[in-house]
């Protein structure tokens, strides 16, 4: 676990809960100012086709939104900078409005087949894509999607944490299943053709 994430997450209330249930709590001393993303995190992020992002509204209520796109649509722009394009949607702008009031966000990235998950804490800001054409083009996951980009999210990563794989149920996309099934279908068709030819 990256030290900064644990230090930020282990509040006095969390320590009190640890004392109650475990008889002691963890203290993280000498944590760095931030946890720097490594090549492992960058590679993991680059292969995700979705993630969940949590924000908090002005009344203190949390809001979690699913974000999806082609693999790699969440881009690593620097050692601790992430970005993604925000497309035309339902026009609610809940995450956008929440970030305007409280820029703290939490990202939850899952790899179900490999039972891996990465949590990220950071500060987000939202830019108008009309005012940042070059960045909008950079963050657009595909040229044909560029016209749908309305806003740009930039996230300054402060800390991250890899969770253990326990209780992550493996799930697979249609494409991942097809990669396994299609060769089997082809082989079955080949064998059926051989059987049919033997009957003639």
N, C-alpha and C. Protein backbone atom coordinates (compact mmCIF):
# COMPACT_ATOMS: atom_id res chain seq x y z
N UNK A 1 0.84 -1.19 0.00
CA UNK A 1 0.00 0.00 0.00
C UNK A 1 0.87 1.24 0.00
N UNK A 2 0.51 2.22 -0.83
CA UNK A 2 1.24 3.48 -0.84
C UNK A 2 0.96 4.21 0.48
N UNK A 3 2.02 4.73 1.09
CA UNK A 3 1.92 5.26 2.45
C UNK A 3 0.98 6.45 2.55
N UNK A 4 1.00 7.32 1.57
CA UNK A 4 0.17 8.53 1.65
C UNK A 4 -1.31 8.18 1.67
N UNK A 5 -1.71 7.21 0.89
CA UNK A 5 -3.12 6.82 0.85
C UNK A 5 -3.58 6.38 2.24
N UNK A 6 -2.80 5.53 2.88
CA UNK A 6 -3.18 5.04 4.20
C UNK A 6 -3.20 6.17 5.22
N UNK A 7 -2.23 7.06 5.13
CA UNK A 7 -2.20 8.19 6.07
C UNK A 7 -3.44 9.07 5.90
N UNK A 8 -3.81 9.35 4.66
CA UNK A 8 -4.98 10.18 4.40
C UNK A 8 -6.29 9.50 4.82
N UNK A 9 -6.33 8.18 4.67
CA UNK A 9 -7.56 7.44 4.92
C UNK A 9 -7.78 7.09 6.38
N UNK A 10 -6.69 6.99 7.14
CA UNK A 10 -6.80 6.57 8.54
C UNK A 10 -7.04 7.79 9.42
N UNK A 11 -8.27 8.26 9.42
CA UNK A 11 -8.67 9.41 10.22
C UNK A 11 -8.86 8.99 11.68
N UNK A 12 -9.01 9.94 12.61
CA UNK A 12 -9.27 9.57 14.01
C UNK A 12 -10.49 8.64 14.16
N UNK A 13 -11.53 8.85 13.36
CA UNK A 13 -12.70 7.98 13.44
C UNK A 13 -12.36 6.57 12.98
N UNK A 14 -11.53 6.46 11.95
CA UNK A 14 -11.10 5.14 11.48
C UNK A 14 -10.22 4.48 12.53
N UNK A 15 -9.33 5.24 13.14
CA UNK A 15 -8.48 4.69 14.20
C UNK A 15 -9.31 4.19 15.37
N UNK A 16 -10.37 4.94 15.72
CA UNK A 16 -11.25 4.51 16.81
C UNK A 16 -11.94 3.20 16.46
N UNK A 17 -12.35 3.05 15.19
CA UNK A 17 -12.97 1.79 14.77
C UNK A 17 -11.97 0.64 14.83
N UNK A 18 -10.72 0.91 14.43
CA UNK A 18 -9.69 -0.13 14.51
C UNK A 18 -9.43 -0.53 15.96
N UNK A 19 -9.40 0.47 16.86
CA UNK A 19 -9.22 0.17 18.29
C UNK A 19 -10.36 -0.72 18.81
N UNK A 20 -11.57 -0.40 18.38
CA UNK A 20 -12.73 -1.14 18.87
C UNK A 20 -12.72 -2.58 18.41
N UNK A 21 -12.40 -2.81 17.14
CA UNK A 21 -12.51 -4.15 16.59
C UNK A 21 -11.21 -4.96 16.65
N UNK A 22 -10.06 -4.28 16.67
CA UNK A 22 -8.79 -4.99 16.63
C UNK A 22 -7.91 -4.73 17.85
N UNK A 23 -8.31 -3.80 18.71
CA UNK A 23 -7.54 -3.52 19.91
C UNK A 23 -6.37 -2.58 19.71
N UNK A 24 -6.15 -2.12 18.48
CA UNK A 24 -5.09 -1.17 18.18
C UNK A 24 -5.35 -0.55 16.82
N UNK A 25 -4.66 0.56 16.56
CA UNK A 25 -4.82 1.18 15.25
C UNK A 25 -3.44 1.44 14.64
N UNK A 26 -3.46 1.62 13.33
CA UNK A 26 -2.23 1.84 12.60
C UNK A 26 -1.91 3.32 12.56
N UNK A 27 -0.63 3.63 12.67
CA UNK A 27 -0.15 4.99 12.54
C UNK A 27 0.88 5.02 11.42
N UNK A 28 0.65 5.87 10.45
CA UNK A 28 1.58 5.99 9.34
C UNK A 28 2.39 7.27 9.52
N UNK A 29 3.64 7.11 9.79
CA UNK A 29 4.52 8.26 9.98
C UNK A 29 5.44 8.42 8.77
N UNK A 30 5.88 9.63 8.56
CA UNK A 30 6.84 9.93 7.49
C UNK A 30 6.34 9.56 6.10
N UNK A 31 5.04 9.69 5.88
CA UNK A 31 4.51 9.45 4.53
C UNK A 31 4.94 10.60 3.63
N UNK A 32 5.18 10.34 2.37
CA UNK A 32 5.57 11.42 1.46
C UNK A 32 4.41 12.39 1.25
N UNK A 33 4.69 13.52 0.65
CA UNK A 33 3.64 14.50 0.39
C UNK A 33 2.61 13.93 -0.57
N UNK A 34 3.04 13.05 -1.47
CA UNK A 34 2.12 12.37 -2.37
C UNK A 34 2.76 11.06 -2.81
N UNK A 35 1.92 10.14 -3.25
CA UNK A 35 2.39 8.88 -3.81
C UNK A 35 2.52 9.08 -5.32
N UNK A 36 3.69 8.81 -5.86
CA UNK A 36 3.92 9.00 -7.28
C UNK A 36 3.55 7.75 -8.07
N UNK A 37 2.78 7.93 -9.12
CA UNK A 37 2.42 6.81 -9.97
C UNK A 37 3.67 6.20 -10.60
N UNK A 38 3.70 4.88 -10.65
CA UNK A 38 4.83 4.18 -11.26
C UNK A 38 4.39 3.61 -12.61
N UNK A 39 5.30 2.91 -13.26
CA UNK A 39 4.97 2.28 -14.54
C UNK A 39 3.87 1.23 -14.37
N UNK A 40 3.82 0.60 -13.21
CA UNK A 40 2.77 -0.42 -12.97
C UNK A 40 1.39 0.22 -12.99
N UNK A 41 1.23 1.34 -12.28
CA UNK A 41 -0.06 2.02 -12.26
C UNK A 41 -0.41 2.56 -13.65
N UNK A 42 0.58 3.14 -14.32
CA UNK A 42 0.34 3.71 -15.65
C UNK A 42 -0.11 2.63 -16.63
N UNK A 43 0.52 1.46 -16.58
CA UNK A 43 0.15 0.37 -17.47
C UNK A 43 -1.25 -0.14 -17.17
N UNK A 44 -1.58 -0.22 -15.91
CA UNK A 44 -2.91 -0.68 -15.50
C UNK A 44 -3.98 0.30 -15.98
N UNK A 45 -3.74 1.59 -15.75
CA UNK A 45 -4.69 2.62 -16.17
C UNK A 45 -4.89 2.60 -17.68
N UNK A 46 -3.81 2.39 -18.42
CA UNK A 46 -3.87 2.44 -19.88
C UNK A 46 -4.69 1.31 -20.48
N UNK A 47 -4.95 0.27 -19.71
CA UNK A 47 -5.71 -0.85 -20.25
C UNK A 47 -7.15 -0.90 -19.73
N UNK A 48 -7.55 0.10 -18.96
CA UNK A 48 -8.92 0.10 -18.43
C UNK A 48 -9.89 0.68 -19.46
N UNK A 49 -11.07 0.06 -19.56
CA UNK A 49 -12.11 0.61 -20.41
C UNK A 49 -13.26 1.19 -19.59
N UNK A 50 -13.07 1.26 -18.27
CA UNK A 50 -14.07 1.89 -17.41
C UNK A 50 -13.47 2.13 -16.03
N UNK A 51 -14.10 3.02 -15.29
CA UNK A 51 -13.75 3.23 -13.90
C UNK A 51 -14.93 3.91 -13.22
N UNK A 52 -14.87 4.00 -11.90
CA UNK A 52 -15.89 4.69 -11.13
C UNK A 52 -15.25 5.91 -10.48
N UNK A 53 -15.99 7.02 -10.46
CA UNK A 53 -15.45 8.25 -9.86
C UNK A 53 -16.43 8.78 -8.83
N UNK A 54 -15.93 9.02 -7.62
CA UNK A 54 -16.74 9.53 -6.53
C UNK A 54 -16.44 11.00 -6.29
N UNK A 55 -17.50 11.77 -6.12
CA UNK A 55 -17.40 13.17 -5.74
C UNK A 55 -18.37 13.40 -4.58
N UNK A 56 -18.34 14.60 -4.02
CA UNK A 56 -19.25 14.94 -2.91
C UNK A 56 -19.93 16.25 -3.24
N UNK A 57 -21.26 16.30 -3.02
CA UNK A 57 -21.96 17.55 -3.33
C UNK A 57 -21.92 18.52 -2.16
N UNK A 58 -22.50 19.68 -2.33
CA UNK A 58 -22.40 20.74 -1.32
C UNK A 58 -23.16 20.40 -0.04
N UNK A 59 -24.04 19.41 -0.09
CA UNK A 59 -24.75 18.97 1.11
C UNK A 59 -24.04 17.81 1.81
N UNK A 60 -22.88 17.42 1.28
CA UNK A 60 -22.10 16.35 1.89
C UNK A 60 -22.45 14.96 1.42
N UNK A 61 -23.37 14.86 0.45
CA UNK A 61 -23.74 13.54 -0.05
C UNK A 61 -22.74 13.07 -1.12
N UNK A 62 -22.31 11.81 -1.02
CA UNK A 62 -21.40 11.28 -2.04
C UNK A 62 -22.17 10.91 -3.31
N UNK A 63 -21.47 10.98 -4.42
CA UNK A 63 -22.05 10.60 -5.70
C UNK A 63 -21.01 9.80 -6.46
N UNK A 64 -21.39 8.64 -6.97
CA UNK A 64 -20.47 7.78 -7.71
C UNK A 64 -20.99 7.63 -9.13
N UNK A 65 -20.11 7.88 -10.08
CA UNK A 65 -20.49 7.80 -11.49
C UNK A 65 -19.58 6.81 -12.22
N UNK A 66 -20.18 6.01 -13.08
CA UNK A 66 -19.42 5.10 -13.93
C UNK A 66 -18.96 5.85 -15.17
N UNK A 67 -17.71 5.67 -15.53
CA UNK A 67 -17.16 6.25 -16.76
C UNK A 67 -16.64 5.12 -17.63
N UNK A 68 -16.98 5.14 -18.90
CA UNK A 68 -16.54 4.08 -19.80
C UNK A 68 -16.11 4.63 -21.14
N UNK A 69 -15.33 3.85 -21.85
CA UNK A 69 -14.85 4.24 -23.17
C UNK A 69 -13.88 3.19 -23.70
N UNK A 70 -13.25 3.47 -24.82
CA UNK A 70 -12.24 2.54 -25.33
C UNK A 70 -11.10 2.39 -24.32
N UNK A 71 -10.47 1.23 -24.31
CA UNK A 71 -9.35 1.01 -23.40
C UNK A 71 -8.33 2.14 -23.54
N UNK A 72 -7.93 2.70 -22.41
CA UNK A 72 -6.96 3.79 -22.43
C UNK A 72 -7.57 5.17 -22.52
N UNK A 73 -8.90 5.28 -22.42
CA UNK A 73 -9.52 6.62 -22.51
C UNK A 73 -9.18 7.48 -21.30
N UNK A 74 -8.88 6.84 -20.15
CA UNK A 74 -8.32 7.57 -19.02
C UNK A 74 -6.82 7.60 -19.24
N UNK A 75 -6.29 8.79 -19.46
CA UNK A 75 -4.90 8.92 -19.90
C UNK A 75 -3.99 9.44 -18.79
N UNK A 76 -2.78 8.87 -18.74
CA UNK A 76 -1.74 9.37 -17.84
C UNK A 76 -1.00 10.46 -18.59
N UNK A 77 -1.14 11.69 -18.12
CA UNK A 77 -0.55 12.85 -18.81
C UNK A 77 0.77 13.29 -18.19
N UNK A 78 1.06 12.79 -17.01
CA UNK A 78 2.30 13.14 -16.31
C UNK A 78 2.49 12.20 -15.15
N UNK A 79 3.51 12.45 -14.36
CA UNK A 79 3.83 11.53 -13.25
C UNK A 79 2.66 11.39 -12.29
N UNK A 80 1.89 12.45 -12.10
CA UNK A 80 0.74 12.38 -11.20
C UNK A 80 -0.46 13.12 -11.78
N UNK A 81 -0.58 13.12 -13.10
CA UNK A 81 -1.68 13.81 -13.74
C UNK A 81 -2.43 12.86 -14.67
N UNK A 82 -3.75 12.76 -14.45
CA UNK A 82 -4.63 11.96 -15.28
C UNK A 82 -5.62 12.87 -15.99
N UNK A 83 -6.14 12.43 -17.10
CA UNK A 83 -7.14 13.21 -17.80
C UNK A 83 -8.06 12.33 -18.61
N UNK A 84 -9.29 12.80 -18.79
CA UNK A 84 -10.21 12.09 -19.67
C UNK A 84 -11.22 13.07 -20.24
N UNK A 85 -11.76 12.72 -21.39
CA UNK A 85 -12.74 13.55 -22.07
C UNK A 85 -14.13 13.21 -21.55
N UNK A 86 -14.92 14.26 -21.35
CA UNK A 86 -16.31 14.11 -20.90
C UNK A 86 -17.22 14.38 -22.09
N UNK A 87 -18.03 13.39 -22.46
CA UNK A 87 -18.85 13.48 -23.66
C UNK A 87 -20.26 13.99 -23.37
N UNK A 88 -20.95 14.29 -24.43
CA UNK A 88 -22.36 14.65 -24.32
C UNK A 88 -23.10 13.50 -23.64
N UNK A 89 -23.96 13.86 -22.68
CA UNK A 89 -24.67 12.81 -21.95
C UNK A 89 -26.07 13.25 -21.57
N UNK A 90 -26.43 12.95 -20.32
CA UNK A 90 -27.79 13.23 -19.87
C UNK A 90 -27.99 14.67 -19.39
N UNK A 91 -26.95 15.47 -19.47
CA UNK A 91 -27.01 16.90 -19.16
C UNK A 91 -27.27 17.19 -17.68
N UNK A 92 -27.01 16.23 -16.81
CA UNK A 92 -27.18 16.48 -15.38
C UNK A 92 -25.97 17.20 -14.79
N UNK A 93 -24.77 16.85 -15.26
CA UNK A 93 -23.52 17.49 -14.83
C UNK A 93 -23.31 17.41 -13.31
N UNK A 94 -23.66 16.29 -12.73
CA UNK A 94 -23.53 16.15 -11.27
C UNK A 94 -22.06 16.15 -10.84
N UNK A 95 -21.24 15.35 -11.51
CA UNK A 95 -19.81 15.32 -11.14
C UNK A 95 -19.17 16.68 -11.40
N UNK A 96 -19.51 17.30 -12.53
CA UNK A 96 -18.94 18.62 -12.87
C UNK A 96 -19.29 19.64 -11.81
N UNK A 97 -20.54 19.68 -11.40
CA UNK A 97 -20.95 20.63 -10.37
C UNK A 97 -20.32 20.34 -9.03
N UNK A 98 -20.23 19.06 -8.68
CA UNK A 98 -19.63 18.69 -7.40
C UNK A 98 -18.17 19.11 -7.33
N UNK A 99 -17.42 18.87 -8.41
CA UNK A 99 -16.00 19.21 -8.44
C UNK A 99 -15.81 20.72 -8.30
N UNK A 100 -16.74 21.49 -8.82
CA UNK A 100 -16.65 22.94 -8.71
C UNK A 100 -16.71 23.39 -7.26
N UNK A 101 -17.44 22.63 -6.41
CA UNK A 101 -17.55 22.98 -5.00
C UNK A 101 -16.51 22.31 -4.13
N UNK A 102 -16.12 21.10 -4.47
CA UNK A 102 -15.12 20.34 -3.70
C UNK A 102 -14.34 19.51 -4.72
N UNK A 103 -13.09 19.86 -4.93
CA UNK A 103 -12.33 19.23 -6.02
C UNK A 103 -11.78 17.85 -5.69
N UNK A 104 -12.04 17.34 -4.50
CA UNK A 104 -11.53 16.02 -4.13
C UNK A 104 -12.35 14.93 -4.81
N UNK A 105 -11.63 13.96 -5.41
CA UNK A 105 -12.29 12.85 -6.08
C UNK A 105 -11.60 11.55 -5.69
N UNK A 106 -12.35 10.46 -5.82
CA UNK A 106 -11.80 9.12 -5.64
C UNK A 106 -12.14 8.32 -6.89
N UNK A 107 -11.14 7.64 -7.44
CA UNK A 107 -11.34 6.79 -8.60
C UNK A 107 -11.15 5.34 -8.19
N UNK A 108 -11.98 4.48 -8.76
CA UNK A 108 -11.93 3.05 -8.46
C UNK A 108 -11.82 2.33 -9.79
N UNK A 109 -10.69 1.70 -10.06
CA UNK A 109 -10.44 1.02 -11.33
C UNK A 109 -10.38 -0.49 -11.09
N UNK A 110 -11.16 -1.23 -11.89
CA UNK A 110 -11.26 -2.67 -11.71
C UNK A 110 -10.71 -3.44 -12.90
N UNK A 111 -10.06 -4.54 -12.61
CA UNK A 111 -9.70 -5.54 -13.62
C UNK A 111 -10.29 -6.85 -13.10
N UNK A 112 -11.52 -7.15 -13.51
CA UNK A 112 -12.21 -8.31 -12.98
C UNK A 112 -11.56 -9.64 -13.36
N UNK A 113 -11.15 -9.81 -14.63
CA UNK A 113 -10.55 -11.11 -14.97
C UNK A 113 -9.31 -11.45 -14.14
N UNK A 114 -8.49 -10.42 -13.84
CA UNK A 114 -7.26 -10.66 -13.08
C UNK A 114 -7.42 -10.37 -11.59
N UNK A 115 -8.64 -10.03 -11.18
CA UNK A 115 -8.96 -9.76 -9.77
C UNK A 115 -8.02 -8.71 -9.17
N UNK A 116 -7.92 -7.58 -9.87
CA UNK A 116 -7.11 -6.46 -9.40
C UNK A 116 -7.95 -5.20 -9.33
N UNK A 117 -7.63 -4.33 -8.38
CA UNK A 117 -8.33 -3.05 -8.27
C UNK A 117 -7.36 -1.99 -7.76
N UNK A 118 -7.51 -0.81 -8.32
CA UNK A 118 -6.65 0.32 -7.98
C UNK A 118 -7.53 1.48 -7.54
N UNK A 119 -7.24 2.03 -6.36
CA UNK A 119 -7.97 3.19 -5.85
C UNK A 119 -7.05 4.41 -5.96
N UNK A 120 -7.62 5.53 -6.36
CA UNK A 120 -6.85 6.76 -6.55
C UNK A 120 -7.58 7.91 -5.89
N UNK A 121 -6.84 8.73 -5.15
CA UNK A 121 -7.36 9.96 -4.56
C UNK A 121 -6.67 11.14 -5.21
N UNK A 122 -7.41 12.18 -5.51
CA UNK A 122 -6.80 13.34 -6.14
C UNK A 122 -7.70 14.55 -6.15
N UNK A 123 -7.20 15.60 -6.77
CA UNK A 123 -7.95 16.85 -6.94
C UNK A 123 -8.26 17.02 -8.42
N UNK A 124 -9.54 17.27 -8.72
CA UNK A 124 -9.96 17.37 -10.11
C UNK A 124 -10.34 18.79 -10.48
N UNK A 125 -10.18 19.09 -11.74
CA UNK A 125 -10.71 20.34 -12.30
C UNK A 125 -11.29 20.03 -13.66
N UNK A 126 -12.28 20.84 -14.04
CA UNK A 126 -13.00 20.60 -15.28
C UNK A 126 -12.78 21.79 -16.20
N UNK A 127 -12.40 21.51 -17.45
CA UNK A 127 -12.16 22.55 -18.44
C UNK A 127 -13.19 22.44 -19.55
N UNK A 128 -13.53 23.57 -20.13
CA UNK A 128 -14.44 23.61 -21.26
C UNK A 128 -13.66 23.21 -22.52
N UNK A 129 -14.11 22.16 -23.18
CA UNK A 129 -13.38 21.65 -24.36
C UNK A 129 -13.32 22.69 -25.47
N UNK A 130 -14.29 23.60 -25.53
CA UNK A 130 -14.29 24.63 -26.58
C UNK A 130 -13.12 25.60 -26.41
N UNK A 131 -12.63 25.71 -25.19
CA UNK A 131 -11.55 26.65 -24.91
C UNK A 131 -10.18 25.98 -24.90
N UNK A 132 -10.16 24.67 -25.05
CA UNK A 132 -8.89 23.92 -24.99
C UNK A 132 -8.89 22.86 -26.08
N UNK A 133 -8.89 23.30 -27.32
CA UNK A 133 -9.00 22.39 -28.45
C UNK A 133 -7.90 21.36 -28.54
N UNK A 134 -6.66 21.78 -28.32
CA UNK A 134 -5.54 20.84 -28.42
C UNK A 134 -5.63 19.74 -27.37
N UNK A 135 -5.98 20.14 -26.14
CA UNK A 135 -6.11 19.15 -25.07
C UNK A 135 -7.31 18.24 -25.32
N UNK A 136 -8.38 18.80 -25.86
CA UNK A 136 -9.56 17.99 -26.18
C UNK A 136 -9.20 16.93 -27.22
N UNK A 137 -8.41 17.31 -28.21
CA UNK A 137 -7.98 16.35 -29.22
C UNK A 137 -7.09 15.28 -28.61
N UNK A 138 -6.24 15.68 -27.66
CA UNK A 138 -5.34 14.73 -27.01
C UNK A 138 -6.11 13.74 -26.14
N UNK A 139 -7.15 14.21 -25.47
CA UNK A 139 -7.90 13.35 -24.56
C UNK A 139 -9.01 12.56 -25.24
N UNK A 140 -9.39 12.96 -26.43
CA UNK A 140 -10.41 12.21 -27.15
C UNK A 140 -9.87 10.81 -27.46
N UNK A 141 -10.58 9.76 -27.06
CA UNK A 141 -10.04 8.41 -27.25
C UNK A 141 -10.00 7.95 -28.70
N UNK A 142 -10.71 8.67 -29.58
CA UNK A 142 -10.70 8.31 -31.00
C UNK A 142 -11.10 9.55 -31.80
N UNK A 143 -10.51 9.75 -32.97
CA UNK A 143 -10.82 10.94 -33.78
C UNK A 143 -12.32 11.12 -34.04
N UNK A 144 -13.03 10.01 -34.25
CA UNK A 144 -14.45 10.12 -34.56
C UNK A 144 -15.29 10.54 -33.35
N UNK A 145 -14.70 10.51 -32.16
CA UNK A 145 -15.41 10.93 -30.95
C UNK A 145 -15.12 12.38 -30.57
N UNK A 146 -14.18 13.01 -31.28
CA UNK A 146 -13.76 14.37 -30.91
C UNK A 146 -14.94 15.35 -30.87
N UNK A 147 -15.87 15.25 -31.80
CA UNK A 147 -16.98 16.20 -31.86
C UNK A 147 -17.94 16.06 -30.69
N UNK A 148 -17.87 14.95 -29.97
CA UNK A 148 -18.76 14.72 -28.84
C UNK A 148 -18.16 15.19 -27.51
N UNK A 149 -16.90 15.63 -27.51
CA UNK A 149 -16.23 16.04 -26.28
C UNK A 149 -16.73 17.42 -25.87
N UNK A 150 -17.28 17.53 -24.67
CA UNK A 150 -17.77 18.81 -24.17
C UNK A 150 -16.90 19.39 -23.06
N UNK A 151 -16.38 18.51 -22.21
CA UNK A 151 -15.56 18.96 -21.09
C UNK A 151 -14.34 18.05 -20.95
N UNK A 152 -13.36 18.54 -20.20
CA UNK A 152 -12.14 17.79 -19.96
C UNK A 152 -11.89 17.73 -18.46
N UNK A 153 -11.69 16.53 -17.95
CA UNK A 153 -11.37 16.35 -16.53
C UNK A 153 -9.87 16.12 -16.39
N UNK A 154 -9.25 16.91 -15.53
CA UNK A 154 -7.85 16.70 -15.18
C UNK A 154 -7.79 16.37 -13.69
N UNK A 155 -7.05 15.34 -13.34
CA UNK A 155 -6.98 14.89 -11.95
C UNK A 155 -5.53 14.86 -11.49
N UNK A 156 -5.26 15.67 -10.48
CA UNK A 156 -3.94 15.70 -9.86
C UNK A 156 -3.91 14.62 -8.78
N UNK A 157 -3.18 13.55 -9.03
CA UNK A 157 -3.18 12.39 -8.14
C UNK A 157 -2.35 12.69 -6.89
N UNK A 158 -2.95 12.46 -5.73
CA UNK A 158 -2.26 12.64 -4.46
C UNK A 158 -1.80 11.29 -3.90
N UNK A 159 -2.65 10.28 -4.03
CA UNK A 159 -2.28 8.97 -3.49
C UNK A 159 -3.07 7.87 -4.21
N UNK A 160 -2.61 6.65 -4.00
CA UNK A 160 -3.30 5.50 -4.61
C UNK A 160 -3.05 4.28 -3.74
N UNK A 161 -3.82 3.24 -4.00
CA UNK A 161 -3.68 2.01 -3.23
C UNK A 161 -4.17 0.84 -4.07
N UNK A 162 -3.42 -0.24 -4.06
CA UNK A 162 -3.85 -1.49 -4.68
C UNK A 162 -4.53 -2.33 -3.62
N UNK A 163 -5.75 -2.81 -3.91
CA UNK A 163 -6.45 -3.69 -2.98
C UNK A 163 -6.11 -5.14 -3.22
N UNK A 164 -6.35 -5.96 -2.21
CA UNK A 164 -6.14 -7.39 -2.36
C UNK A 164 -7.24 -7.97 -3.26
N UNK A 165 -6.98 -9.11 -3.88
CA UNK A 165 -7.95 -9.69 -4.83
C UNK A 165 -9.11 -10.42 -4.17
N UNK A 166 -9.10 -10.51 -2.85
CA UNK A 166 -10.13 -11.29 -2.16
C UNK A 166 -11.52 -10.76 -2.49
N UNK A 167 -12.42 -11.68 -2.80
CA UNK A 167 -13.85 -11.41 -3.05
C UNK A 167 -14.11 -10.68 -4.37
N UNK A 168 -13.13 -10.54 -5.24
CA UNK A 168 -13.39 -9.98 -6.57
C UNK A 168 -13.80 -11.15 -7.47
N UNK A 169 -15.04 -11.16 -7.90
CA UNK A 169 -15.54 -12.22 -8.78
C UNK A 169 -15.08 -11.93 -10.21
N UNK A 170 -14.35 -12.84 -10.84
CA UNK A 170 -13.91 -12.60 -12.22
C UNK A 170 -15.11 -12.42 -13.15
N UNK A 171 -15.07 -11.38 -13.96
CA UNK A 171 -16.09 -11.12 -14.98
C UNK A 171 -15.37 -10.79 -16.27
N UNK A 172 -16.02 -11.11 -17.39
CA UNK A 172 -15.36 -10.96 -18.68
C UNK A 172 -16.25 -10.20 -19.65
N UNK A 173 -15.62 -9.39 -20.50
CA UNK A 173 -16.35 -8.67 -21.52
C UNK A 173 -16.69 -9.60 -22.67
N UNK A 174 -17.60 -9.14 -23.53
CA UNK A 174 -17.94 -9.92 -24.71
C UNK A 174 -16.73 -10.19 -25.58
N UNK A 175 -15.85 -9.19 -25.71
CA UNK A 175 -14.65 -9.36 -26.54
C UNK A 175 -13.70 -10.39 -25.93
N UNK A 176 -13.57 -10.37 -24.61
CA UNK A 176 -12.68 -11.34 -23.95
C UNK A 176 -13.23 -12.76 -24.09
N UNK A 177 -14.53 -12.91 -24.00
CA UNK A 177 -15.14 -14.23 -24.16
C UNK A 177 -15.00 -14.70 -25.61
N UNK A 178 -15.23 -13.77 -26.54
CA UNK A 178 -15.14 -14.13 -27.96
C UNK A 178 -13.73 -14.61 -28.32
N UNK A 179 -12.70 -14.01 -27.71
CA UNK A 179 -11.33 -14.41 -28.01
C UNK A 179 -11.07 -15.87 -27.65
N UNK A 180 -11.81 -16.38 -26.68
CA UNK A 180 -11.67 -17.79 -26.28
C UNK A 180 -12.62 -18.68 -27.07
N UNK A 181 -13.83 -18.20 -27.27
CA UNK A 181 -14.87 -19.02 -27.90
C UNK A 181 -14.70 -19.15 -29.41
N UNK A 182 -14.31 -18.06 -30.06
CA UNK A 182 -14.24 -18.08 -31.53
C UNK A 182 -13.33 -19.19 -32.08
N UNK A 183 -12.12 -19.40 -31.53
CA UNK A 183 -11.31 -20.52 -32.04
C UNK A 183 -11.98 -21.87 -31.84
N UNK A 184 -12.73 -22.01 -30.73
CA UNK A 184 -13.44 -23.27 -30.49
C UNK A 184 -14.55 -23.47 -31.51
N UNK A 185 -15.26 -22.38 -31.83
CA UNK A 185 -16.31 -22.47 -32.84
C UNK A 185 -15.72 -22.86 -34.20
N UNK A 186 -14.58 -22.25 -34.52
CA UNK A 186 -13.93 -22.56 -35.79
C UNK A 186 -13.51 -24.03 -35.85
N UNK A 187 -12.99 -24.52 -34.74
CA UNK A 187 -12.56 -25.92 -34.70
C UNK A 187 -13.75 -26.86 -34.81
N UNK A 188 -14.85 -26.52 -34.14
CA UNK A 188 -16.06 -27.34 -34.23
C UNK A 188 -16.57 -27.38 -35.66
N UNK A 189 -16.58 -26.21 -36.31
CA UNK A 189 -17.04 -26.15 -37.70
C UNK A 189 -16.14 -27.01 -38.60
N UNK A 190 -14.83 -26.98 -38.32
CA UNK A 190 -13.89 -27.77 -39.12
C UNK A 190 -14.15 -29.26 -38.93
N UNK A 191 -14.37 -29.68 -37.68
CA UNK A 191 -14.63 -31.09 -37.40
C UNK A 191 -15.97 -31.54 -37.99
N UNK A 192 -16.98 -30.67 -37.90
CA UNK A 192 -18.28 -31.01 -38.48
C UNK A 192 -18.18 -31.17 -39.98
N UNK A 193 -17.35 -30.32 -40.62
CA UNK A 193 -17.15 -30.43 -42.05
C UNK A 193 -16.49 -31.75 -42.42
N UNK A 194 -15.53 -32.18 -41.58
CA UNK A 194 -14.85 -33.45 -41.81
C UNK A 194 -15.82 -34.62 -41.66
N UNK A 195 -16.68 -34.54 -40.66
CA UNK A 195 -17.67 -35.60 -40.44
C UNK A 195 -18.63 -35.65 -41.63
N UNK A 196 -19.09 -34.48 -42.06
CA UNK A 196 -20.03 -34.44 -43.19
C UNK A 196 -19.39 -35.01 -44.46
N UNK A 197 -18.12 -34.68 -44.67
CA UNK A 197 -17.45 -35.18 -45.88
C UNK A 197 -17.26 -36.70 -45.81
N UNK A 198 -17.10 -37.22 -44.62
CA UNK A 198 -16.94 -38.67 -44.45
C UNK A 198 -18.22 -39.43 -44.69
N UNK A 199 -19.36 -38.75 -44.57
CA UNK A 199 -20.65 -39.40 -44.77
C UNK A 199 -20.99 -39.53 -46.25
N UNK A 200 -20.29 -38.77 -47.11
CA UNK A 200 -20.64 -38.78 -48.51
C UNK A 200 -19.95 -39.92 -49.25
